[in-house]
């Protein structure tokens, strides 16, 4: 049972990588606004900075794991 749960969590983490990449690119206007407003280097000539991807990836994982915990917890 524990091995199955660990494999499910690892699968979620792997599946979230391409989704986070796409969402990070789609949020380019937000990153530009953050850079212009707060002066935090967030967008460059090659796209959003690494920290932008990490933030989106972390938020996405937290949301998915929270949803799974709420809707699929044992009764």
C-alpha atoms as a PDB file:
ATOM      1  CA  UNK A   1       0.000   0.000   0.000  1.00  0.00           C
ATOM      2  CA  UNK A   2       2.785   2.456   0.884  1.00  0.00           C
ATOM      3  CA  UNK A   3       4.755   1.631  -2.250  1.00  0.00           C
ATOM      4  CA  UNK A   4       1.662   2.295  -4.337  1.00  0.00           C
ATOM      5  CA  UNK A   5       1.163   5.678  -2.679  1.00  0.00           C
ATOM      6  CA  UNK A   6       4.818   6.628  -3.204  1.00  0.00           C
ATOM      7  CA  UNK A   7       4.625   5.652  -6.881  1.00  0.00           C
ATOM      8  CA  UNK A   8       1.466   7.724  -7.289  1.00  0.00           C
ATOM      9  CA  UNK A   9       3.134  10.783  -5.765  1.00  0.00           C
ATOM     10  CA  UNK A  10       6.203  10.328  -7.965  1.00  0.00           C
ATOM     11  CA  UNK A  11       3.962  10.047 -11.021  1.00  0.00           C
ATOM     12  CA  UNK A  12       2.230  13.283 -10.054  1.00  0.00           C
ATOM     13  CA  UNK A  13       5.567  15.055  -9.658  1.00  0.00           C
ATOM     14  CA  UNK A  14       6.717  13.867 -13.089  1.00  0.00           C
ATOM     15  CA  UNK A  15       3.459  14.766 -14.844  1.00  0.00           C
ATOM     16  CA  UNK A  16       3.497  18.260 -13.333  1.00  0.00           C
ATOM     17  CA  UNK A  17       6.856  19.134 -14.950  1.00  0.00           C
ATOM     18  CA  UNK A  18       5.618  19.770 -18.522  1.00  0.00           C
ATOM     19  CA  UNK A  19       2.423  21.367 -17.251  1.00  0.00           C
ATOM     20  CA  UNK A  20       4.439  23.756 -15.073  1.00  0.00           C
ATOM     21  CA  UNK A  21       6.692  24.605 -18.028  1.00  0.00           C
ATOM     22  CA  UNK A  22       3.710  25.490 -20.230  1.00  0.00           C
ATOM     23  CA  UNK A  23       1.987  27.497 -17.485  1.00  0.00           C
ATOM     24  CA  UNK A  24       5.227  29.383 -16.762  1.00  0.00           C
ATOM     25  CA  UNK A  25       5.502  30.423 -20.413  1.00  0.00           C
ATOM     26  CA  UNK A  26       1.835  31.420 -20.489  1.00  0.00           C
ATOM     27  CA  UNK A  27       2.385  33.591 -17.410  1.00  0.00           C
ATOM     28  CA  UNK A  28       5.049  35.693 -19.153  1.00  0.00           C
ATOM     29  CA  UNK A  29       2.955  38.872 -18.854  1.00  0.00           C
ATOM     30  CA  UNK A  30       2.777  38.314 -15.089  1.00  0.00           C
ATOM     31  CA  UNK A  31       6.547  37.845 -14.866  1.00  0.00           C
ATOM     32  CA  UNK A  32       7.086  41.029 -16.907  1.00  0.00           C
ATOM     33  CA  UNK A  33       4.776  42.928 -14.567  1.00  0.00           C
ATOM     34  CA  UNK A  34       6.595  41.592 -11.498  1.00  0.00           C
ATOM     35  CA  UNK A  35       9.927  42.658 -12.991  1.00  0.00           C
ATOM     36  CA  UNK A  36       8.659  46.137 -13.894  1.00  0.00           C
ATOM     37  CA  UNK A  37       6.879  46.697 -10.578  1.00  0.00           C
ATOM     38  CA  UNK A  38       9.244  45.177  -8.047  1.00  0.00           C
ATOM     39  CA  UNK A  39      12.546  45.110  -9.927  1.00  0.00           C
ATOM     40  CA  UNK A  40      12.947  41.352  -9.438  1.00  0.00           C
ATOM     41  CA  UNK A  41      14.714  39.811 -12.415  1.00  0.00           C
ATOM     42  CA  UNK A  42      12.056  37.449 -13.727  1.00  0.00           C
ATOM     43  CA  UNK A  43      12.093  37.583 -17.518  1.00  0.00           C
ATOM     44  CA  UNK A  44      14.992  37.653 -19.902  1.00  0.00           C
ATOM     45  CA  UNK A  45      15.717  37.289 -23.580  1.00  0.00           C
ATOM     46  CA  UNK A  46      15.193  33.523 -23.408  1.00  0.00           C
ATOM     47  CA  UNK A  47      12.010  33.531 -21.341  1.00  0.00           C
ATOM     48  CA  UNK A  48      11.113  33.455 -17.654  1.00  0.00           C
ATOM     49  CA  UNK A  49      13.819  32.865 -15.062  1.00  0.00           C
ATOM     50  CA  UNK A  50      14.297  29.526 -13.371  1.00  0.00           C
ATOM     51  CA  UNK A  51      12.718  30.729 -10.153  1.00  0.00           C
ATOM     52  CA  UNK A  52       9.467  31.427 -12.041  1.00  0.00           C
ATOM     53  CA  UNK A  53       9.329  27.785 -13.120  1.00  0.00           C
ATOM     54  CA  UNK A  54      10.073  26.607  -9.584  1.00  0.00           C
ATOM     55  CA  UNK A  55       7.291  28.760  -8.146  1.00  0.00           C
ATOM     56  CA  UNK A  56       4.746  27.493 -10.685  1.00  0.00           C
ATOM     57  CA  UNK A  57       5.902  23.890 -10.200  1.00  0.00           C
ATOM     58  CA  UNK A  58       5.626  24.174  -6.419  1.00  0.00           C
ATOM     59  CA  UNK A  59       2.189  25.757  -6.515  1.00  0.00           C
ATOM     60  CA  UNK A  60       0.949  23.214  -9.040  1.00  0.00           C
ATOM     61  CA  UNK A  61       2.220  20.294  -6.954  1.00  0.00           C
ATOM     62  CA  UNK A  62       0.724  21.733  -3.790  1.00  0.00           C
ATOM     63  CA  UNK A  63      -2.654  22.164  -5.471  1.00  0.00           C
ATOM     64  CA  UNK A  64      -2.705  18.687  -6.976  1.00  0.00           C
ATOM     65  CA  UNK A  65      -1.604  16.984  -3.764  1.00  0.00           C
ATOM     66  CA  UNK A  66      -4.123  19.003  -1.714  1.00  0.00           C
ATOM     67  CA  UNK A  67      -6.933  18.049  -4.077  1.00  0.00           C
ATOM     68  CA  UNK A  68      -5.943  14.395  -3.902  1.00  0.00           C
ATOM     69  CA  UNK A  69      -5.757  14.521  -0.124  1.00  0.00           C
ATOM     70  CA  UNK A  70      -9.202  16.109   0.183  1.00  0.00           C
ATOM     71  CA  UNK A  71     -11.092  14.039  -2.368  1.00  0.00           C
ATOM     72  CA  UNK A  72      -9.405  10.660  -2.044  1.00  0.00           C
ATOM     73  CA  UNK A  73      -8.797  10.319   1.671  1.00  0.00           C
ATOM     74  CA  UNK A  74     -10.110   7.168   3.270  1.00  0.00           C
ATOM     75  CA  UNK A  75     -13.360   7.450   5.164  1.00  0.00           C
END
